[in-house]
Every structure is written in structure tokens, then in C-alpha cells.
Amino acid sequence: MMVIMGKVAVILILIAVGYAVTKCGWFTERGAAEVTSLLIKIVTPCLIVNSFLGNTGTLQVSEMLLAVVVSAVAIALSLVISLITFRNEPPERKKVLRFAVIFSNAGFMGIPLVESIVGGKGVIYGSFFIVVFNVVCWTYGYNMMSGGAKMNLRTVLLNPGMIGLLFGLPIYFFKLQLPALLTEPVGFLSNLNTPLAMLVIGSYIARVDLHSFISDLAVYKMAALRLVAAPAAYLAVLLLIRPEPDLLVSSVIQAAAPVAANTVLFAVEYHQDSELASKTVAVSTVLSIITIPIFTILAQLACQFLF
């Protein structure tokens, strides 16, 4: 519980800093948009590549495949839930709300929690969850938030997320050992992801009307779907699949994480409702203090029941 509260506190402090510097006039809307572009085009590929560095070849092929399958199941369930909800919302809001339901903060929130609760093997499983996340995010999610831009092979392969995967996957599968001259800059750039993303979110929250923040019931419906319905459905399916305990617990933690920061980054980059996106991240992050411990305990109890 304390680990989870600590991670949420870090996120909220960074968001608060972004909020404060915007209110002080030090972080303009144009500046936030430029930082967002930097995050999407430079930091994101480095973050993905960095997730593979130092984690080369530690799972059997069968374990990798199962990790990919259960990760895909998690995102597929969230996607289905998103498609049957928010039908009465305006199109520009519907895109953001559905994106928020589908994509969890599996990296910054999920991986540290997995490491502290499951251990090293759980982190490796978690990296495959993030691989699946990025494939879906930069294909389906990109198409959704970019306004249905025409998808072709070049678009799929040359967007920032997929470029990161195209470099990262060979490093993992071929156990490549890169020199520090390459790995250290990648590591430094990837470390910019969380602080810069949270500053951007805080900046956009600072521009949201407080009454709108409190009264937007769709945001709370989204939070219930992201934090309760999606992980509950996923845990139920895992009881049928019966993966080994480390994989079960680690994937449930990542599936139960709050809304991904990419929701705001994509909304800003592709001119969607960035205010709504900021609200989804802030509200779900706060409420996850309650929901993540519950699902972690349920996953651990499920392991005792199954094994």
C-alpha cells in the first residue's frame, strides 16, 4: 500500500509543479505543445528502447509468447469495454474517453509496483505488456486520436512508438550488448518521460475550469471502467487461462493502473480535447490509490487458489 501511495504522490507532485508554473505564467500553452512534441518524437522511442536494455533473453520462448498473449487479452478487454460505452458523447470527447479506458499507465506506475511486489521476473513480464501496449497504442490508438488518418505500412512503421520497437526488439531477441556511448544517452532521454509528461498534464489542468473538473460525470464513469471494470474482467479471464503466478500478478497490476499519460500527449499532439484528457489522468491517478491495492490482493489470492 505504501509503495502505491508513494508512486501516486510522485505523480501528483509533478502534476502540481506543472500546474503552478503555468499559473505563474512560466509555462505557456505553446511551450506545453512543444514539450509534448519532444516527448512523442524523441523521448518515446528512447523509452521503449531503454526498456529492452539490460533485459536480454531471460525468458523461455513459451514464457514470452504467453506474456504477449495475456497482455493482448488485457488491452483487448479494455478496448471492447470502451467500444460499448460513451456512445452518447460528442465525437471529440468520445475519442479521448475511450483512449483513456483502453490504455493504462503500465510503465511508470505499473513497472515499479511490479518490481516491488513480484520481483525481477515480473519486470521482464511487464516489459512484454509494454510492448503490446505500444503496438496497439501506436496503431489503433494513433489512428483514433489522429482523426482517422489513413493508415499504411509507412505510417505504421515510422511513427515514434514503432521506431522504438523496431530498434528495441532486436536488442532483446539477439541479446545485443551496446556500448555505453549509445545506451547512456538513450537512458537519459528516456528518464525525461515521466517528469515532462506530468508537467504537461499539470499545465493543461491549470487551464481547466474547476467547476468543469468536478461536474464532468463522464470522467468518473471512465475512471470506474479503467480502474474497476477492465481489471476485474481481465482477472476473471486469467482464472481460465491460469498463467504462472508471477505473470498473473504482474499483468493484473499493470492492467489496473490509472490512465496513461499518452492520453494527454496524443490529445495535444493531434488537437483533441486536451482538457478532458488531463482530467482523466488526474482523477484516475488519485482513485488508483484505492483500487490498485485491492486488485493486487485479489491477484495474489487467485494465485493461492489456482496453485
C-alpha atoms as a PDB file:
ATOM      1  CA  MET A   1       0.000   0.000   0.000  1.00  0.00           C
ATOM      2  CA  MET A   2       2.791   2.441   0.915  1.00  0.00           C
ATOM      3  CA  VAL A   3       4.611   1.713  -2.358  1.00  0.00           C
ATOM      4  CA  ILE A   4       1.471   2.518  -4.337  1.00  0.00           C
ATOM      5  CA  MET A   5       0.784   5.705  -2.362  1.00  0.00           C
ATOM      6  CA  GLY A   6       4.397   6.757  -2.875  1.00  0.00           C
ATOM      7  CA  LYS A   7       4.176   6.370  -6.651  1.00  0.00           C
ATOM      8  CA  VAL A   8       0.869   8.249  -6.792  1.00  0.00           C
ATOM      9  CA  ALA A   9       2.344  11.013  -4.609  1.00  0.00           C
ATOM     10  CA  VAL A  10       5.292  11.438  -7.001  1.00  0.00           C
ATOM     11  CA  ILE A  11       2.928  11.765  -9.963  1.00  0.00           C
ATOM     12  CA  LEU A  12       0.685  14.266  -8.177  1.00  0.00           C
ATOM     13  CA  ILE A  13       3.649  16.406  -7.058  1.00  0.00           C
ATOM     14  CA  LEU A  14       4.961  16.604 -10.630  1.00  0.00           C
ATOM     15  CA  ILE A  15       1.470  17.472 -11.893  1.00  0.00           C
ATOM     16  CA  ALA A  16       1.228  20.149  -9.183  1.00  0.00           C
ATOM     17  CA  VAL A  17       4.537  21.667 -10.329  1.00  0.00           C
ATOM     18  CA  GLY A  18       3.231  21.834 -13.904  1.00  0.00           C
ATOM     19  CA  TYR A  19       0.044  23.448 -12.595  1.00  0.00           C
ATOM     20  CA  ALA A  20       1.964  26.020 -10.538  1.00  0.00           C
ATOM     21  CA  VAL A  21       4.432  27.101 -13.223  1.00  0.00           C
ATOM     22  CA  THR A  22       1.549  27.526 -15.672  1.00  0.00           C
ATOM     23  CA  LYS A  23      -0.420  29.679 -13.226  1.00  0.00           C
ATOM     24  CA  CYS A  24       2.747  31.754 -12.728  1.00  0.00           C
ATOM     25  CA  GLY A  25       2.990  32.286 -16.479  1.00  0.00           C
ATOM     26  CA  TRP A  26       6.286  30.404 -16.831  1.00  0.00           C
ATOM     27  CA  PHE A  27       4.898  27.533 -18.909  1.00  0.00           C
ATOM     28  CA  THR A  28       2.784  28.739 -21.813  1.00  0.00           C
ATOM     29  CA  GLU A  29       0.347  26.751 -23.916  1.00  0.00           C
ATOM     30  CA  ARG A  30       2.789  26.926 -26.827  1.00  0.00           C
ATOM     31  CA  GLY A  31       5.588  25.683 -24.582  1.00  0.00           C
ATOM     32  CA  ALA A  32       3.469  22.751 -23.407  1.00  0.00           C
ATOM     33  CA  ALA A  33       2.685  21.840 -27.014  1.00  0.00           C
ATOM     34  CA  GLU A  34       6.391  21.945 -27.934  1.00  0.00           C
ATOM     35  CA  VAL A  35       7.341  19.765 -24.951  1.00  0.00           C
ATOM     36  CA  THR A  36       4.598  17.337 -25.980  1.00  0.00           C
ATOM     37  CA  SER A  37       6.051  17.114 -29.475  1.00  0.00           C
ATOM     38  CA  LEU A  38       9.503  16.433 -27.973  1.00  0.00           C
ATOM     39  CA  LEU A  39       8.047  13.683 -25.768  1.00  0.00           C
ATOM     40  CA  ILE A  40       6.248  11.995 -28.638  1.00  0.00           C
ATOM     41  CA  LYS A  41       9.008  12.192 -31.248  1.00  0.00           C
ATOM     42  CA  ILE A  42      12.234  11.823 -29.239  1.00  0.00           C
ATOM     43  CA  VAL A  43      11.612  10.613 -25.693  1.00  0.00           C
ATOM     44  CA  THR A  44       9.063   7.896 -26.530  1.00  0.00           C
ATOM     45  CA  PRO A  45      11.361   5.900 -28.872  1.00  0.00           C
ATOM     46  CA  CYS A  46      14.188   6.151 -26.317  1.00  0.00           C
ATOM     47  CA  LEU A  47      11.866   4.992 -23.525  1.00  0.00           C
ATOM     48  CA  ILE A  48      10.869   1.906 -25.499  1.00  0.00           C
ATOM     49  CA  VAL A  49      14.450   1.026 -26.480  1.00  0.00           C
ATOM     50  CA  ASN A  50      15.624   1.559 -22.907  1.00  0.00           C
ATOM     51  CA  SER A  51      13.048  -0.933 -21.597  1.00  0.00           C
ATOM     52  CA  PHE A  52      14.888  -3.677 -23.502  1.00  0.00           C
ATOM     53  CA  LEU A  53      18.429  -2.711 -22.478  1.00  0.00           C
ATOM     54  CA  GLY A  54      19.764  -4.992 -19.760  1.00  0.00           C
ATOM     55  CA  ASN A  55      16.784  -7.371 -20.061  1.00  0.00           C
ATOM     56  CA  THR A  56      18.114  -9.618 -22.803  1.00  0.00           C
ATOM     57  CA  GLY A  57      16.973 -13.205 -23.155  1.00  0.00           C
ATOM     58  CA  THR A  58      15.827 -14.004 -19.593  1.00  0.00           C
ATOM     59  CA  LEU A  59      12.599 -15.844 -20.507  1.00  0.00           C
ATOM     60  CA  GLN A  60      11.921 -19.012 -22.465  1.00  0.00           C
ATOM     61  CA  VAL A  61      10.157 -18.568 -25.812  1.00  0.00           C
ATOM     62  CA  SER A  62       6.995 -20.179 -24.424  1.00  0.00           C
ATOM     63  CA  GLU A  63       7.009 -17.735 -21.492  1.00  0.00           C
ATOM     64  CA  MET A  64       7.457 -14.791 -23.855  1.00  0.00           C
ATOM     65  CA  LEU A  65       4.556 -15.927 -26.023  1.00  0.00           C
ATOM     66  CA  LEU A  66       2.281 -16.405 -23.023  1.00  0.00           C
ATOM     67  CA  ALA A  67       3.246 -12.957 -21.711  1.00  0.00           C
ATOM     68  CA  VAL A  68       2.333 -11.441 -25.077  1.00  0.00           C
ATOM     69  CA  VAL A  69      -0.979 -13.336 -25.160  1.00  0.00           C
ATOM     70  CA  VAL A  70      -2.131 -12.323 -21.679  1.00  0.00           C
ATOM     71  CA  SER A  71      -1.034  -8.722 -22.302  1.00  0.00           C
ATOM     72  CA  ALA A  72      -3.018  -8.657 -25.532  1.00  0.00           C
ATOM     73  CA  VAL A  73      -6.037 -10.052 -23.671  1.00  0.00           C
ATOM     74  CA  ALA A  74      -5.836  -7.203 -21.129  1.00  0.00           C
ATOM     75  CA  ILE A  75      -5.807  -4.496 -23.782  1.00  0.00           C
ATOM     76  CA  ALA A  76      -8.425  -6.281 -25.919  1.00  0.00           C
ATOM     77  CA  LEU A  77     -10.840  -6.433 -22.981  1.00  0.00           C
ATOM     78  CA  SER A  78     -10.318  -2.726 -22.270  1.00  0.00           C
ATOM     79  CA  LEU A  79     -10.860  -1.972 -25.945  1.00  0.00           C
ATOM     80  CA  VAL A  80     -14.150  -3.902 -26.016  1.00  0.00           C
ATOM     81  CA  ILE A  81     -15.344  -2.158 -22.847  1.00  0.00           C
ATOM     82  CA  SER A  82     -14.505   1.229 -24.385  1.00  0.00           C
ATOM     83  CA  LEU A  83     -16.420   0.468 -27.586  1.00  0.00           C
ATOM     84  CA  ILE A  84     -19.697  -0.272 -25.797  1.00  0.00           C
ATOM     85  CA  THR A  85     -19.587   2.894 -23.683  1.00  0.00           C
ATOM     86  CA  PHE A  86     -19.728   6.668 -24.208  1.00  0.00           C
ATOM     87  CA  ARG A  87     -21.967   6.273 -27.246  1.00  0.00           C
ATOM     88  CA  ASN A  88     -23.877   9.466 -26.427  1.00  0.00           C
ATOM     89  CA  GLU A  89     -20.769  11.599 -26.010  1.00  0.00           C
ATOM     90  CA  PRO A  90     -19.749  14.060 -28.766  1.00  0.00           C
ATOM     91  CA  PRO A  91     -17.138  12.530 -31.121  1.00  0.00           C
ATOM     92  CA  GLU A  92     -14.265  14.702 -29.862  1.00  0.00           C
ATOM     93  CA  ARG A  93     -14.916  13.638 -26.239  1.00  0.00           C
ATOM     94  CA  LYS A  94     -15.666  10.033 -27.142  1.00  0.00           C
ATOM     95  CA  LYS A  95     -12.182   9.553 -28.632  1.00  0.00           C
ATOM     96  CA  VAL A  96     -10.417  10.769 -25.505  1.00  0.00           C
ATOM     97  CA  LEU A  97     -12.628   8.853 -23.062  1.00  0.00           C
ATOM     98  CA  ARG A  98     -12.275   5.601 -24.987  1.00  0.00           C
ATOM     99  CA  PHE A  99      -8.500   6.038 -25.329  1.00  0.00           C
ATOM    100  CA  ALA A 100      -8.318   6.608 -21.560  1.00  0.00           C
ATOM    101  CA  VAL A 101     -10.214   3.386 -20.839  1.00  0.00           C
ATOM    102  CA  ILE A 102      -8.020   1.307 -23.162  1.00  0.00           C
ATOM    103  CA  PHE A 103      -4.528   2.450 -22.179  1.00  0.00           C
ATOM    104  CA  SER A 104      -3.190   2.236 -18.621  1.00  0.00           C
ATOM    105  CA  ASN A 105      -0.095   3.805 -17.099  1.00  0.00           C
ATOM    106  CA  ALA A 106       1.571   0.388 -17.262  1.00  0.00           C
ATOM    107  CA  GLY A 107       5.086   1.822 -17.439  1.00  0.00           C
ATOM    108  CA  PHE A 108       5.698   4.480 -14.791  1.00  0.00           C
ATOM    109  CA  MET A 109       3.040   3.233 -12.354  1.00  0.00           C
ATOM    110  CA  GLY A 110       2.981  -0.441 -13.312  1.00  0.00           C
ATOM    111  CA  ILE A 111       6.635  -1.454 -13.595  1.00  0.00           C
ATOM    112  CA  PRO A 112       7.878  -0.087 -10.216  1.00  0.00           C
ATOM    113  CA  LEU A 113       4.918  -1.689  -8.440  1.00  0.00           C
ATOM    114  CA  VAL A 114       5.562  -4.993 -10.200  1.00  0.00           C
ATOM    115  CA  GLU A 115       9.239  -4.831  -9.227  1.00  0.00           C
ATOM    116  CA  SER A 116       8.441  -4.207  -5.557  1.00  0.00           C
ATOM    117  CA  ILE A 117       5.678  -6.837  -5.318  1.00  0.00           C
ATOM    118  CA  VAL A 118       6.705  -9.576  -7.780  1.00  0.00           C
ATOM    119  CA  GLY A 119      10.428  -9.031  -8.355  1.00  0.00           C
ATOM    120  CA  GLY A 120      12.783  -9.190 -11.337  1.00  0.00           C
ATOM    121  CA  LYS A 121      10.927 -11.807 -13.358  1.00  0.00           C
ATOM    122  CA  GLY A 122       7.757  -9.765 -13.041  1.00  0.00           C
ATOM    123  CA  VAL A 123       9.571  -6.780 -14.551  1.00  0.00           C
ATOM    124  CA  ILE A 124      10.507  -8.851 -17.605  1.00  0.00           C
ATOM    125  CA  TYR A 125       6.896  -9.946 -17.979  1.00  0.00           C
ATOM    126  CA  GLY A 126       5.944  -6.310 -17.571  1.00  0.00           C
ATOM    127  CA  SER A 127       8.199  -5.294 -20.451  1.00  0.00           C
ATOM    128  CA  PHE A 128       6.161  -7.521 -22.775  1.00  0.00           C
ATOM    129  CA  PHE A 129       2.969  -5.879 -21.540  1.00  0.00           C
ATOM    130  CA  ILE A 130       4.521  -2.560 -22.568  1.00  0.00           C
ATOM    131  CA  VAL A 131       5.499  -3.970 -25.980  1.00  0.00           C
ATOM    132  CA  VAL A 132       1.878  -4.940 -26.646  1.00  0.00           C
ATOM    133  CA  PHE A 133       0.730  -1.595 -25.231  1.00  0.00           C
ATOM    134  CA  ASN A 134       2.974   0.305 -27.643  1.00  0.00           C
ATOM    135  CA  VAL A 135       1.963  -1.751 -30.673  1.00  0.00           C
ATOM    136  CA  VAL A 136      -1.740  -1.121 -30.005  1.00  0.00           C
ATOM    137  CA  CYS A 137      -1.209   2.482 -28.895  1.00  0.00           C
ATOM    138  CA  TRP A 138       0.772   3.423 -31.991  1.00  0.00           C
ATOM    139  CA  THR A 139      -1.567   1.682 -34.427  1.00  0.00           C
ATOM    140  CA  TYR A 140      -5.151   1.652 -33.145  1.00  0.00           C
ATOM    141  CA  GLY A 141      -4.661   4.489 -30.646  1.00  0.00           C
ATOM    142  CA  TYR A 142      -2.765   6.640 -33.124  1.00  0.00           C
ATOM    143  CA  ASN A 143      -5.468   6.146 -35.742  1.00  0.00           C
ATOM    144  CA  MET A 144      -8.192   7.039 -33.235  1.00  0.00           C
ATOM    145  CA  MET A 145      -6.578  10.214 -31.885  1.00  0.00           C
ATOM    146  CA  SER A 146      -5.170  11.492 -35.175  1.00  0.00           C
ATOM    147  CA  GLY A 147      -8.695  11.745 -36.534  1.00  0.00           C
ATOM    148  CA  GLY A 148      -8.717   8.579 -38.595  1.00  0.00           C
ATOM    149  CA  ALA A 149      -5.593   9.412 -40.566  1.00  0.00           C
ATOM    150  CA  LYS A 150      -5.028   6.964 -43.383  1.00  0.00           C
ATOM    151  CA  MET A 151      -3.027   4.003 -42.134  1.00  0.00           C
ATOM    152  CA  ASN A 152      -0.444   2.466 -44.436  1.00  0.00           C
ATOM    153  CA  LEU A 153       2.700   0.434 -43.853  1.00  0.00           C
ATOM    154  CA  ARG A 154       4.893   3.536 -43.812  1.00  0.00           C
ATOM    155  CA  THR A 155       2.661   5.252 -41.219  1.00  0.00           C
ATOM    156  CA  VAL A 156       2.648   2.174 -39.001  1.00  0.00           C
ATOM    157  CA  LEU A 157       6.394   1.531 -39.176  1.00  0.00           C
ATOM    158  CA  LEU A 158       7.641   5.117 -38.994  1.00  0.00           C
ATOM    159  CA  ASN A 159       5.646   6.549 -36.103  1.00  0.00           C
ATOM    160  CA  PRO A 160       7.771   7.181 -32.970  1.00  0.00           C
ATOM    161  CA  GLY A 161       6.457   4.251 -30.944  1.00  0.00           C
ATOM    162  CA  MET A 162       7.045   1.676 -33.638  1.00  0.00           C
ATOM    163  CA  ILE A 163      10.521   3.058 -34.377  1.00  0.00           C
ATOM    164  CA  GLY A 164      11.348   2.379 -30.732  1.00  0.00           C
ATOM    165  CA  LEU A 165      10.073  -1.178 -31.049  1.00  0.00           C
ATOM    166  CA  LEU A 166      11.963  -1.790 -34.304  1.00  0.00           C
ATOM    167  CA  PHE A 167      15.215  -0.908 -32.510  1.00  0.00           C
ATOM    168  CA  GLY A 168      14.332  -2.453 -29.150  1.00  0.00           C
ATOM    169  CA  LEU A 169      13.077  -5.895 -30.136  1.00  0.00           C
ATOM    170  CA  PRO A 170      16.292  -6.967 -31.948  1.00  0.00           C
ATOM    171  CA  ILE A 171      18.284  -5.862 -28.890  1.00  0.00           C
ATOM    172  CA  TYR A 172      16.198  -8.217 -26.764  1.00  0.00           C
ATOM    173  CA  PHE A 173      15.921 -11.233 -29.028  1.00  0.00           C
ATOM    174  CA  PHE A 174      19.533 -11.192 -30.289  1.00  0.00           C
ATOM    175  CA  LYS A 175      20.959 -10.312 -26.847  1.00  0.00           C
ATOM    176  CA  LEU A 176      22.840  -7.329 -28.249  1.00  0.00           C
ATOM    177  CA  GLN A 177      25.248  -5.569 -25.893  1.00  0.00           C
ATOM    178  CA  LEU A 178      25.518  -1.929 -26.943  1.00  0.00           C
ATOM    179  CA  PRO A 179      28.335   0.405 -25.828  1.00  0.00           C
ATOM    180  CA  ALA A 180      27.714   2.935 -23.069  1.00  0.00           C
ATOM    181  CA  LEU A 181      28.210   5.687 -25.655  1.00  0.00           C
ATOM    182  CA  LEU A 182      24.787   4.675 -27.036  1.00  0.00           C
ATOM    183  CA  THR A 183      22.967   3.309 -24.001  1.00  0.00           C
ATOM    184  CA  GLU A 184      23.624   6.233 -21.646  1.00  0.00           C
ATOM    185  CA  PRO A 185      22.110   8.943 -23.894  1.00  0.00           C
ATOM    186  CA  VAL A 186      19.108   6.674 -24.509  1.00  0.00           C
ATOM    187  CA  GLY A 187      18.736   6.180 -20.763  1.00  0.00           C
ATOM    188  CA  PHE A 188      18.985   9.896 -20.006  1.00  0.00           C
ATOM    189  CA  LEU A 189      16.393  10.771 -22.645  1.00  0.00           C
ATOM    190  CA  SER A 190      14.008   8.027 -21.509  1.00  0.00           C
ATOM    191  CA  ASN A 191      14.213   9.355 -17.945  1.00  0.00           C
ATOM    192  CA  LEU A 192      12.689  12.622 -19.170  1.00  0.00           C
ATOM    193  CA  ASN A 193       9.395  10.883 -19.944  1.00  0.00           C
ATOM    194  CA  THR A 194       7.682  10.923 -16.565  1.00  0.00           C
ATOM    195  CA  PRO A 195       8.664  14.406 -15.302  1.00  0.00           C
ATOM    196  CA  LEU A 196       7.993  16.147 -18.609  1.00  0.00           C
ATOM    197  CA  ALA A 197       4.722  14.287 -19.233  1.00  0.00           C
ATOM    198  CA  MET A 198       3.420  15.133 -15.755  1.00  0.00           C
ATOM    199  CA  LEU A 199       4.419  18.794 -16.149  1.00  0.00           C
ATOM    200  CA  VAL A 200       2.428  18.919 -19.384  1.00  0.00           C
ATOM    201  CA  ILE A 201      -0.584  17.318 -17.699  1.00  0.00           C
ATOM    202  CA  GLY A 202      -0.379  19.821 -14.839  1.00  0.00           C
ATOM    203  CA  SER A 203      -0.137  22.644 -17.340  1.00  0.00           C
ATOM    204  CA  TYR A 204      -3.346  21.606 -19.086  1.00  0.00           C
ATOM    205  CA  ILE A 205      -5.159  21.027 -15.789  1.00  0.00           C
ATOM    206  CA  ALA A 206      -4.275  24.642 -14.904  1.00  0.00           C
ATOM    207  CA  ARG A 207      -6.312  25.744 -17.914  1.00  0.00           C
ATOM    208  CA  VAL A 208      -9.377  23.666 -16.961  1.00  0.00           C
ATOM    209  CA  ASP A 209     -12.334  25.352 -15.260  1.00  0.00           C
ATOM    210  CA  LEU A 210     -12.612  23.948 -11.703  1.00  0.00           C
ATOM    211  CA  HIS A 211     -16.394  23.531 -11.895  1.00  0.00           C
ATOM    212  CA  SER A 212     -15.995  21.573 -15.127  1.00  0.00           C
ATOM    213  CA  PHE A 213     -13.400  19.390 -13.425  1.00  0.00           C
ATOM    214  CA  ILE A 214     -15.759  18.444 -10.595  1.00  0.00           C
ATOM    215  CA  SER A 215     -19.011  18.192 -12.549  1.00  0.00           C
ATOM    216  CA  ASP A 216     -17.856  16.125 -15.539  1.00  0.00           C
ATOM    217  CA  LEU A 217     -19.556  12.815 -14.712  1.00  0.00           C
ATOM    218  CA  ALA A 218     -18.128  11.115 -17.813  1.00  0.00           C
ATOM    219  CA  VAL A 219     -14.663  11.343 -16.258  1.00  0.00           C
ATOM    220  CA  TYR A 220     -15.815   9.386 -13.209  1.00  0.00           C
ATOM    221  CA  LYS A 221     -17.549   6.826 -15.411  1.00  0.00           C
ATOM    222  CA  MET A 222     -14.280   6.486 -17.332  1.00  0.00           C
ATOM    223  CA  ALA A 223     -12.392   6.016 -14.050  1.00  0.00           C
ATOM    224  CA  ALA A 224     -14.774   3.243 -12.969  1.00  0.00           C
ATOM    225  CA  LEU A 225     -14.228   1.444 -16.267  1.00  0.00           C
ATOM    226  CA  ARG A 226     -10.420   1.900 -16.287  1.00  0.00           C
ATOM    227  CA  LEU A 227      -9.818   1.128 -12.622  1.00  0.00           C
ATOM    228  CA  VAL A 228     -12.526  -1.438 -11.827  1.00  0.00           C
ATOM    229  CA  ALA A 229     -14.361  -2.946 -14.808  1.00  0.00           C
ATOM    230  CA  ALA A 230     -11.325  -3.564 -17.048  1.00  0.00           C
ATOM    231  CA  PRO A 231      -9.033  -5.191 -14.423  1.00  0.00           C
ATOM    232  CA  ALA A 232     -11.957  -7.198 -12.974  1.00  0.00           C
ATOM    233  CA  ALA A 233     -12.821  -8.637 -16.386  1.00  0.00           C
ATOM    234  CA  TYR A 234      -9.133  -9.340 -17.010  1.00  0.00           C
ATOM    235  CA  LEU A 235      -8.658 -11.156 -13.704  1.00  0.00           C
ATOM    236  CA  ALA A 236     -11.707 -13.299 -14.461  1.00  0.00           C
ATOM    237  CA  VAL A 237     -10.219 -14.324 -17.821  1.00  0.00           C
ATOM    238  CA  LEU A 238      -6.834 -15.078 -16.223  1.00  0.00           C
ATOM    239  CA  LEU A 239      -8.549 -17.526 -13.875  1.00  0.00           C
ATOM    240  CA  LEU A 240      -9.410 -19.502 -17.011  1.00  0.00           C
ATOM    241  CA  ILE A 241      -6.001 -19.126 -18.702  1.00  0.00           C
ATOM    242  CA  ARG A 242      -4.119 -19.976 -15.471  1.00  0.00           C
ATOM    243  CA  PRO A 243      -0.722 -18.353 -16.206  1.00  0.00           C
ATOM    244  CA  GLU A 244       2.077 -18.862 -13.696  1.00  0.00           C
ATOM    245  CA  PRO A 245       1.793 -16.688 -10.539  1.00  0.00           C
ATOM    246  CA  ASP A 246       4.429 -14.045 -11.379  1.00  0.00           C
ATOM    247  CA  LEU A 247       2.825 -13.386 -14.752  1.00  0.00           C
ATOM    248  CA  LEU A 248      -0.686 -13.296 -13.311  1.00  0.00           C
ATOM    249  CA  VAL A 249       0.107 -10.797 -10.558  1.00  0.00           C
ATOM    250  CA  SER A 250       2.358  -8.551 -12.661  1.00  0.00           C
ATOM    251  CA  SER A 251      -0.116  -8.293 -15.536  1.00  0.00           C
ATOM    252  CA  VAL A 252      -3.063  -7.575 -13.217  1.00  0.00           C
ATOM    253  CA  ILE A 253      -1.113  -4.736 -11.583  1.00  0.00           C
ATOM    254  CA  GLN A 254      -0.370  -3.196 -14.978  1.00  0.00           C
ATOM    255  CA  ALA A 255      -3.956  -3.675 -16.168  1.00  0.00           C
ATOM    256  CA  ALA A 256      -5.237  -1.955 -13.007  1.00  0.00           C
ATOM    257  CA  ALA A 257      -3.010   1.126 -13.402  1.00  0.00           C
ATOM    258  CA  PRO A 258      -4.622   4.548 -13.992  1.00  0.00           C
ATOM    259  CA  VAL A 259      -4.942   6.316 -17.334  1.00  0.00           C
ATOM    260  CA  ALA A 260      -1.772   6.530 -19.434  1.00  0.00           C
ATOM    261  CA  ALA A 261      -0.029   9.888 -19.782  1.00  0.00           C
ATOM    262  CA  ASN A 262      -0.132   9.251 -23.541  1.00  0.00           C
ATOM    263  CA  THR A 263      -3.805  10.222 -23.386  1.00  0.00           C
ATOM    264  CA  VAL A 264      -2.802  13.834 -22.810  1.00  0.00           C
ATOM    265  CA  LEU A 265       0.228  13.731 -25.107  1.00  0.00           C
ATOM    266  CA  PHE A 266      -1.811  12.362 -28.012  1.00  0.00           C
ATOM    267  CA  ALA A 267      -4.679  14.782 -27.343  1.00  0.00           C
ATOM    268  CA  VAL A 268      -2.301  17.747 -27.501  1.00  0.00           C
ATOM    269  CA  GLU A 269      -0.294  16.487 -30.480  1.00  0.00           C
ATOM    270  CA  TYR A 270      -3.358  15.613 -32.568  1.00  0.00           C
ATOM    271  CA  HIS A 271      -5.582  18.522 -31.468  1.00  0.00           C
ATOM    272  CA  GLN A 272      -8.148  16.579 -29.473  1.00  0.00           C
ATOM    273  CA  ASP A 273      -9.741  17.639 -26.149  1.00  0.00           C
ATOM    274  CA  SER A 274      -6.602  18.087 -24.024  1.00  0.00           C
ATOM    275  CA  GLU A 275      -8.553  19.454 -21.043  1.00  0.00           C
ATOM    276  CA  LEU A 276     -10.669  16.317 -20.857  1.00  0.00           C
ATOM    277  CA  ALA A 277      -7.563  14.158 -21.288  1.00  0.00           C
ATOM    278  CA  SER A 278      -5.865  15.935 -18.376  1.00  0.00           C
ATOM    279  CA  LYS A 279      -8.894  15.326 -16.163  1.00  0.00           C
ATOM    280  CA  THR A 280      -8.916  11.602 -16.959  1.00  0.00           C
ATOM    281  CA  VAL A 281      -5.278  11.229 -15.893  1.00  0.00           C
ATOM    282  CA  ALA A 282      -5.606  13.276 -12.705  1.00  0.00           C
ATOM    283  CA  VAL A 283      -8.848  11.689 -11.447  1.00  0.00           C
ATOM    284  CA  SER A 284      -7.842   8.101 -12.236  1.00  0.00           C
ATOM    285  CA  THR A 285      -4.407   8.547 -10.650  1.00  0.00           C
ATOM    286  CA  VAL A 286      -5.897   9.732  -7.353  1.00  0.00           C
ATOM    287  CA  LEU A 287      -8.549   6.980  -7.257  1.00  0.00           C
ATOM    288  CA  SER A 288      -5.976   4.288  -8.070  1.00  0.00           C
ATOM    289  CA  ILE A 289      -4.652   4.637  -4.507  1.00  0.00           C
ATOM    290  CA  ILE A 290      -7.722   2.611  -3.507  1.00  0.00           C
ATOM    291  CA  THR A 291      -8.189   0.290  -6.474  1.00  0.00           C
ATOM    292  CA  ILE A 292      -4.658  -0.974  -7.218  1.00  0.00           C
ATOM    293  CA  PRO A 293      -4.116  -2.495  -3.735  1.00  0.00           C
ATOM    294  CA  ILE A 294      -7.496  -4.246  -3.996  1.00  0.00           C
ATOM    295  CA  PHE A 295      -6.660  -5.869  -7.332  1.00  0.00           C
ATOM    296  CA  THR A 296      -3.137  -6.744  -6.194  1.00  0.00           C
ATOM    297  CA  ILE A 297      -4.576  -8.617  -3.209  1.00  0.00           C
ATOM    298  CA  LEU A 298      -7.206 -10.309  -5.403  1.00  0.00           C
ATOM    299  CA  ALA A 299      -4.489 -11.435  -7.842  1.00  0.00           C
ATOM    300  CA  GLN A 300      -2.392 -12.871  -5.019  1.00  0.00           C
ATOM    301  CA  LEU A 301      -5.439 -14.688  -3.604  1.00  0.00           C
ATOM    302  CA  ALA A 302      -6.168 -16.053  -7.084  1.00  0.00           C
ATOM    303  CA  CYS A 303      -2.638 -17.474  -7.228  1.00  0.00           C
ATOM    304  CA  GLN A 304      -3.166 -19.240  -3.908  1.00  0.00           C
ATOM    305  CA  PHE A 305      -6.461 -20.646  -5.194  1.00  0.00           C
ATOM    306  CA  LEU A 306      -5.056 -21.800  -8.553  1.00  0.00           C
ATOM    307  CA  PHE A 307      -1.637 -23.051  -7.466  1.00  0.00           C
END
